[in-house]
C-alpha cells in the first residue's frame, strides 16, 4: 500500500523532492571521512545538508537525535535502550519523530483513510470507543512505517554528506542489504560530534 510522506517541512519547498534539473540541489557524492576530518562548525554542517538533502531541517533533526542516542560515544545502535526495552535505532528515531507526524495537517486524511479501509473490510467494531482505539492504533502504525522510510532517507543524506557512517551489526563496512536480521549502526564523525556541541 502506498504510504504518503507524513512529515512536513518548515517551508513548502521542502515538502516535495525538487526536479533533477533544479540548480539549488547539487548531487554530491559520499565524502570520504576519517577520524581526523577537517574542522567543522555548525554552519558548515548545515551547509553540507543544504547541498545534499531535499529536507535539510528534518535531516538535521535526525542527526541531532543520532548524537543523543550515541551518548558519550560516537555510535548509535544497533539498539537503543528506551524505558527498559532495547529498540532498533531506526525504530527509536521514528518514535522520537512521531509527534511531528501527529501534528501534521494531513494526519486527518490518514485517519479518514484508515477508517474507510477498516470499514470496507468490515473490521470496525460496532462500539464507537473500540472503533476509535482500533483506528488510532492503525494510524500510529502507518505513521511509524512512513517515519522509518523518512529516517532511512535522512540517514542516506547524512552518509552522502560525510557526516555519518552507516554499517550493519556484524559488518565493518556499509552493506547494501540488511538481511539476516542485521540492524543498522550509525556513527557520527568526531568533527561532527564536536560541531554539535558534544564531547567526543
C-alpha atoms as a PDB file:
ATOM      1  CA  UNK A   1       0.000   0.000   0.000  1.00  0.00           C
ATOM      2  CA  UNK A   2       1.318   3.452  -0.852  1.00  0.00           C
ATOM      3  CA  UNK A   3       2.186   5.497   2.189  1.00  0.00           C
ATOM      4  CA  UNK A   4       2.412   9.272   1.825  1.00  0.00           C
ATOM      5  CA  UNK A   5       5.279  11.205   3.308  1.00  0.00           C
ATOM      6  CA  UNK A   6       3.627  12.214   6.551  1.00  0.00           C
ATOM      7  CA  UNK A   7       6.223  14.673   7.740  1.00  0.00           C
ATOM      8  CA  UNK A   8       6.025  18.325   6.727  1.00  0.00           C
ATOM      9  CA  UNK A   9       8.702  20.924   6.345  1.00  0.00           C
ATOM     10  CA  UNK A  10       9.024  24.459   7.604  1.00  0.00           C
ATOM     11  CA  UNK A  11       8.633  25.618   4.017  1.00  0.00           C
ATOM     12  CA  UNK A  12       6.520  24.325   1.184  1.00  0.00           C
ATOM     13  CA  UNK A  13       9.590  23.999  -0.991  1.00  0.00           C
ATOM     14  CA  UNK A  14      10.850  21.125   1.133  1.00  0.00           C
ATOM     15  CA  UNK A  15       7.634  19.111   1.095  1.00  0.00           C
ATOM     16  CA  UNK A  16       8.439  17.615  -2.305  1.00  0.00           C
ATOM     17  CA  UNK A  17      11.671  16.438  -3.863  1.00  0.00           C
ATOM     18  CA  UNK A  18      12.893  19.042  -6.355  1.00  0.00           C
ATOM     19  CA  UNK A  19      13.246  18.126 -10.018  1.00  0.00           C
ATOM     20  CA  UNK A  20      16.540  16.697 -11.209  1.00  0.00           C
ATOM     21  CA  UNK A  21      17.468  19.904 -13.021  1.00  0.00           C
ATOM     22  CA  UNK A  22      16.886  22.112 -10.001  1.00  0.00           C
ATOM     23  CA  UNK A  23      20.107  24.148  -9.719  1.00  0.00           C
ATOM     24  CA  UNK A  24      19.691  24.649  -5.974  1.00  0.00           C
ATOM     25  CA  UNK A  25      20.200  20.954  -5.171  1.00  0.00           C
ATOM     26  CA  UNK A  26      23.548  19.536  -6.218  1.00  0.00           C
ATOM     27  CA  UNK A  27      24.242  15.830  -6.409  1.00  0.00           C
ATOM     28  CA  UNK A  28      27.207  15.369  -4.123  1.00  0.00           C
ATOM     29  CA  UNK A  29      28.989  12.001  -3.886  1.00  0.00           C
ATOM     30  CA  UNK A  30      29.534  10.479  -0.472  1.00  0.00           C
ATOM     31  CA  UNK A  31      32.506  12.147   1.163  1.00  0.00           C
ATOM     32  CA  UNK A  32      35.424  10.136   2.418  1.00  0.00           C
ATOM     33  CA  UNK A  33      35.913  10.999   6.046  1.00  0.00           C
ATOM     34  CA  UNK A  34      38.259   9.891   8.775  1.00  0.00           C
ATOM     35  CA  UNK A  35      38.640  10.443  12.464  1.00  0.00           C
ATOM     36  CA  UNK A  36      40.834  13.406  11.518  1.00  0.00           C
ATOM     37  CA  UNK A  37      38.220  15.058   9.308  1.00  0.00           C
ATOM     38  CA  UNK A  38      38.601  18.784   8.799  1.00  0.00           C
ATOM     39  CA  UNK A  39      37.233  21.100  11.458  1.00  0.00           C
ATOM     40  CA  UNK A  40      33.507  21.620  11.161  1.00  0.00           C
ATOM     41  CA  UNK A  41      31.323  24.164  12.853  1.00  0.00           C
ATOM     42  CA  UNK A  42      27.537  24.150  12.926  1.00  0.00           C
ATOM     43  CA  UNK A  43      27.102  26.424   9.870  1.00  0.00           C
ATOM     44  CA  UNK A  44      29.364  24.092   7.869  1.00  0.00           C
ATOM     45  CA  UNK A  45      27.238  21.100   8.877  1.00  0.00           C
ATOM     46  CA  UNK A  46      24.083  22.919   7.797  1.00  0.00           C
ATOM     47  CA  UNK A  47      25.693  23.937   4.508  1.00  0.00           C
ATOM     48  CA  UNK A  48      26.517  20.329   3.705  1.00  0.00           C
ATOM     49  CA  UNK A  49      22.962  19.271   4.446  1.00  0.00           C
ATOM     50  CA  UNK A  50      21.578  22.022   2.233  1.00  0.00           C
ATOM     51  CA  UNK A  51      23.726  20.717  -0.626  1.00  0.00           C
ATOM     52  CA  UNK A  52      22.691  17.062  -0.466  1.00  0.00           C
ATOM     53  CA  UNK A  53      19.253  16.893   1.136  1.00  0.00           C
ATOM     54  CA  UNK A  54      15.835  17.932  -0.127  1.00  0.00           C
ATOM     55  CA  UNK A  55      14.760  18.075   3.526  1.00  0.00           C
ATOM     56  CA  UNK A  56      17.715  19.619   5.390  1.00  0.00           C
ATOM     57  CA  UNK A  57      15.767  20.625   8.521  1.00  0.00           C
ATOM     58  CA  UNK A  58      14.331  17.160   9.016  1.00  0.00           C
ATOM     59  CA  UNK A  59      17.710  15.576   8.268  1.00  0.00           C
ATOM     60  CA  UNK A  60      19.385  17.846  10.809  1.00  0.00           C
ATOM     61  CA  UNK A  61      16.880  16.736  13.447  1.00  0.00           C
ATOM     62  CA  UNK A  62      17.743  13.119  12.664  1.00  0.00           C
ATOM     63  CA  UNK A  63      21.441  13.953  13.055  1.00  0.00           C
ATOM     64  CA  UNK A  64      20.823  15.528  16.462  1.00  0.00           C
ATOM     65  CA  UNK A  65      18.799  12.524  17.605  1.00  0.00           C
ATOM     66  CA  UNK A  66      21.553  10.154  16.492  1.00  0.00           C
ATOM     67  CA  UNK A  67      24.011  12.191  18.572  1.00  0.00           C
ATOM     68  CA  UNK A  68      21.662  11.954  21.544  1.00  0.00           C
ATOM     69  CA  UNK A  69      21.303   8.192  21.131  1.00  0.00           C
ATOM     70  CA  UNK A  70      25.084   7.849  20.871  1.00  0.00           C
ATOM     71  CA  UNK A  71      25.524   9.421  24.300  1.00  0.00           C
ATOM     72  CA  UNK A  72      29.194   9.549  25.267  1.00  0.00           C
ATOM     73  CA  UNK A  73      30.291   7.597  22.199  1.00  0.00           C
ATOM     74  CA  UNK A  74      30.110   8.436  18.519  1.00  0.00           C
ATOM     75  CA  UNK A  75      27.902   5.471  17.572  1.00  0.00           C
ATOM     76  CA  UNK A  76      24.193   4.779  17.958  1.00  0.00           C
ATOM     77  CA  UNK A  77      22.826   1.286  17.504  1.00  0.00           C
ATOM     78  CA  UNK A  78      22.157  -1.387  16.735  1.00  0.00           C
ATOM     79  CA  UNK A  79      19.776  -0.939  19.674  1.00  0.00           C
ATOM     80  CA  UNK A  80      18.805   1.977  21.893  1.00  0.00           C
ATOM     81  CA  UNK A  81      17.540   1.372  25.416  1.00  0.00           C
ATOM     82  CA  UNK A  82      14.222   3.111  25.980  1.00  0.00           C
ATOM     83  CA  UNK A  83      12.200   2.551  29.145  1.00  0.00           C
ATOM     84  CA  UNK A  84      13.911  -0.750  29.775  1.00  0.00           C
ATOM     85  CA  UNK A  85      13.453  -2.019  26.220  1.00  0.00           C
ATOM     86  CA  UNK A  86      16.074  -2.497  23.518  1.00  0.00           C
ATOM     87  CA  UNK A  87      14.749  -0.864  20.333  1.00  0.00           C
ATOM     88  CA  UNK A  88      16.442  -0.866  16.913  1.00  0.00           C
ATOM     89  CA  UNK A  89      17.951   2.566  16.396  1.00  0.00           C
ATOM     90  CA  UNK A  90      15.867   3.314  13.296  1.00  0.00           C
ATOM     91  CA  UNK A  91      12.661   2.498  15.168  1.00  0.00           C
ATOM     92  CA  UNK A  92      13.813   4.657  18.088  1.00  0.00           C
ATOM     93  CA  UNK A  93      14.369   7.583  15.728  1.00  0.00           C
ATOM     94  CA  UNK A  94      10.954   7.050  14.138  1.00  0.00           C
ATOM     95  CA  UNK A  95       9.282   7.014  17.553  1.00  0.00           C
ATOM     96  CA  UNK A  96      11.122  10.168  18.592  1.00  0.00           C
ATOM     97  CA  UNK A  97       9.901  11.980  15.470  1.00  0.00           C
ATOM     98  CA  UNK A  98       6.336  10.672  15.668  1.00  0.00           C
ATOM     99  CA  UNK A  99       4.954  13.874  17.300  1.00  0.00           C
ATOM    100  CA  UNK A 100       5.831  15.728  14.094  1.00  0.00           C
ATOM    101  CA  UNK A 101       3.583  13.431  12.090  1.00  0.00           C
ATOM    102  CA  UNK A 102       0.810  13.634  14.657  1.00  0.00           C
ATOM    103  CA  UNK A 103       0.791  17.419  14.346  1.00  0.00           C
ATOM    104  CA  UNK A 104       0.760  17.274  10.583  1.00  0.00           C
ATOM    105  CA  UNK A 105      -2.339  18.718   8.943  1.00  0.00           C
ATOM    106  CA  UNK A 106      -2.540  15.695   6.662  1.00  0.00           C
ATOM    107  CA  UNK A 107      -2.966  13.365   9.627  1.00  0.00           C
ATOM    108  CA  UNK A 108      -6.709  13.931   9.332  1.00  0.00           C
ATOM    109  CA  UNK A 109      -6.580  12.465   5.831  1.00  0.00           C
ATOM    110  CA  UNK A 110      -4.730   9.422   7.174  1.00  0.00           C
ATOM    111  CA  UNK A 111      -7.369   8.932   9.875  1.00  0.00           C
ATOM    112  CA  UNK A 112     -10.123   9.152   7.271  1.00  0.00           C
ATOM    113  CA  UNK A 113      -8.314   6.683   5.011  1.00  0.00           C
ATOM    114  CA  UNK A 114      -7.828   4.210   7.862  1.00  0.00           C
ATOM    115  CA  UNK A 115     -11.468   4.491   8.856  1.00  0.00           C
ATOM    116  CA  UNK A 116     -12.539   3.899   5.260  1.00  0.00           C
ATOM    117  CA  UNK A 117     -10.221   0.896   4.849  1.00  0.00           C
ATOM    118  CA  UNK A 118     -11.356  -0.765   8.076  1.00  0.00           C
ATOM    119  CA  UNK A 119     -14.992  -0.104   7.290  1.00  0.00           C
ATOM    120  CA  UNK A 120     -14.645  -1.547   3.790  1.00  0.00           C
ATOM    121  CA  UNK A 121     -13.079  -4.710   5.218  1.00  0.00           C
ATOM    122  CA  UNK A 122     -15.775  -4.979   7.871  1.00  0.00           C
ATOM    123  CA  UNK A 123     -13.240  -4.686  10.690  1.00  0.00           C
ATOM    124  CA  UNK A 124     -14.691  -1.693  12.545  1.00  0.00           C
ATOM    125  CA  UNK A 125     -16.263  -2.718  15.877  1.00  0.00           C
ATOM    126  CA  UNK A 126     -19.843  -1.523  16.444  1.00  0.00           C
ATOM    127  CA  UNK A 127     -18.746   0.090  19.699  1.00  0.00           C
ATOM    128  CA  UNK A 128     -17.617   3.640  18.954  1.00  0.00           C
ATOM    129  CA  UNK A 129     -14.878   3.736  21.602  1.00  0.00           C
ATOM    130  CA  UNK A 130     -13.454   0.410  20.444  1.00  0.00           C
ATOM    131  CA  UNK A 131     -13.567   1.590  16.843  1.00  0.00           C
ATOM    132  CA  UNK A 132     -11.673   4.781  17.687  1.00  0.00           C
ATOM    133  CA  UNK A 133      -8.996   2.805  19.545  1.00  0.00           C
ATOM    134  CA  UNK A 134      -8.553   0.483  16.585  1.00  0.00           C
ATOM    135  CA  UNK A 135      -8.314   3.436  14.208  1.00  0.00           C
ATOM    136  CA  UNK A 136      -5.766   5.178  16.452  1.00  0.00           C
ATOM    137  CA  UNK A 137      -3.600   2.039  16.593  1.00  0.00           C
ATOM    138  CA  UNK A 138      -3.666   1.623  12.816  1.00  0.00           C
ATOM    139  CA  UNK A 139      -2.900   5.313  12.241  1.00  0.00           C
ATOM    140  CA  UNK A 140       0.095   5.054  14.555  1.00  0.00           C
ATOM    141  CA  UNK A 141       1.387   2.014  12.656  1.00  0.00           C
ATOM    142  CA  UNK A 142       1.087   3.836   9.354  1.00  0.00           C
ATOM    143  CA  UNK A 143       2.835   6.901  10.737  1.00  0.00           C
ATOM    144  CA  UNK A 144       5.661   4.761  12.098  1.00  0.00           C
ATOM    145  CA  UNK A 145       6.007   2.960   8.777  1.00  0.00           C
ATOM    146  CA  UNK A 146       6.287   6.292   6.986  1.00  0.00           C
ATOM    147  CA  UNK A 147       8.651   7.518   9.693  1.00  0.00           C
ATOM    148  CA  UNK A 148      11.036   4.598   9.215  1.00  0.00           C
ATOM    149  CA  UNK A 149      11.163   5.330   5.495  1.00  0.00           C
ATOM    150  CA  UNK A 150      11.852   9.014   6.150  1.00  0.00           C
ATOM    151  CA  UNK A 151      14.590   8.204   8.672  1.00  0.00           C
ATOM    152  CA  UNK A 152      16.311   5.894   6.181  1.00  0.00           C
ATOM    153  CA  UNK A 153      16.254   8.637   3.546  1.00  0.00           C
ATOM    154  CA  UNK A 154      17.620  11.184   6.002  1.00  0.00           C
ATOM    155  CA  UNK A 155      20.450   8.869   7.080  1.00  0.00           C
ATOM    156  CA  UNK A 156      21.325   8.254   3.424  1.00  0.00           C
ATOM    157  CA  UNK A 157      21.618  12.032   3.011  1.00  0.00           C
ATOM    158  CA  UNK A 158      23.830  12.228   6.101  1.00  0.00           C
ATOM    159  CA  UNK A 159      26.078   9.492   4.699  1.00  0.00           C
ATOM    160  CA  UNK A 160      26.320  11.288   1.357  1.00  0.00           C
ATOM    161  CA  UNK A 161      27.233  14.488   3.190  1.00  0.00           C
ATOM    162  CA  UNK A 162      30.059  12.698   5.001  1.00  0.00           C
ATOM    163  CA  UNK A 163      28.535  13.440   8.409  1.00  0.00           C
ATOM    164  CA  UNK A 164      27.556   9.899   9.378  1.00  0.00           C
ATOM    165  CA  UNK A 165      28.889   6.444   8.620  1.00  0.00           C
ATOM    166  CA  UNK A 166      26.453   3.554   8.482  1.00  0.00           C
ATOM    167  CA  UNK A 167      27.065  -0.143   8.795  1.00  0.00           C
ATOM    168  CA  UNK A 168      25.113  -3.139   9.982  1.00  0.00           C
ATOM    169  CA  UNK A 169      25.697  -5.277  13.026  1.00  0.00           C
ATOM    170  CA  UNK A 170      28.404  -7.816  12.340  1.00  0.00           C
ATOM    171  CA  UNK A 171      29.954  -5.859   9.466  1.00  0.00           C
ATOM    172  CA  UNK A 172      32.691  -3.262   9.435  1.00  0.00           C
ATOM    173  CA  UNK A 173      31.638  -1.569   6.218  1.00  0.00           C
ATOM    174  CA  UNK A 174      28.385  -0.397   4.716  1.00  0.00           C
ATOM    175  CA  UNK A 175      26.243  -3.206   3.379  1.00  0.00           C
ATOM    176  CA  UNK A 176      23.598  -2.618   0.724  1.00  0.00           C
ATOM    177  CA  UNK A 177      21.082  -5.002   2.282  1.00  0.00           C
ATOM    178  CA  UNK A 178      20.300  -5.538   5.932  1.00  0.00           C
ATOM    179  CA  UNK A 179      19.011  -9.094   5.649  1.00  0.00           C
ATOM    180  CA  UNK A 180      19.662 -11.892   8.146  1.00  0.00           C
ATOM    181  CA  UNK A 181      18.266  -9.772  10.997  1.00  0.00           C
ATOM    182  CA  UNK A 182      21.129  -7.280  10.753  1.00  0.00           C
ATOM    183  CA  UNK A 183      20.423  -3.910  12.358  1.00  0.00           C
ATOM    184  CA  UNK A 184      21.894  -0.542  11.474  1.00  0.00           C
ATOM    185  CA  UNK A 185      24.602   1.249  13.423  1.00  0.00           C
ATOM    186  CA  UNK A 186      25.086   4.980  12.809  1.00  0.00           C
ATOM    187  CA  UNK A 187      28.447   6.567  13.610  1.00  0.00           C
ATOM    188  CA  UNK A 188      28.914  10.330  13.735  1.00  0.00           C
ATOM    189  CA  UNK A 189      32.362  11.561  12.806  1.00  0.00           C
ATOM    190  CA  UNK A 190      34.260  13.203  15.692  1.00  0.00           C
ATOM    191  CA  UNK A 191      34.291  16.540  13.849  1.00  0.00           C
ATOM    192  CA  UNK A 192      30.504  16.484  13.564  1.00  0.00           C
ATOM    193  CA  UNK A 193      30.141  15.396  17.182  1.00  0.00           C
ATOM    194  CA  UNK A 194      32.202  18.409  18.209  1.00  0.00           C
ATOM    195  CA  UNK A 195      30.217  20.729  15.933  1.00  0.00           C
ATOM    196  CA  UNK A 196      27.016  19.613  17.624  1.00  0.00           C
ATOM    197  CA  UNK A 197      28.469  20.589  20.969  1.00  0.00           C
ATOM    198  CA  UNK A 198      29.067  17.041  22.146  1.00  0.00           C
ATOM    199  CA  UNK A 199      32.178  15.812  23.886  1.00  0.00           C
ATOM    200  CA  UNK A 200      33.960  13.330  21.630  1.00  0.00           C
END
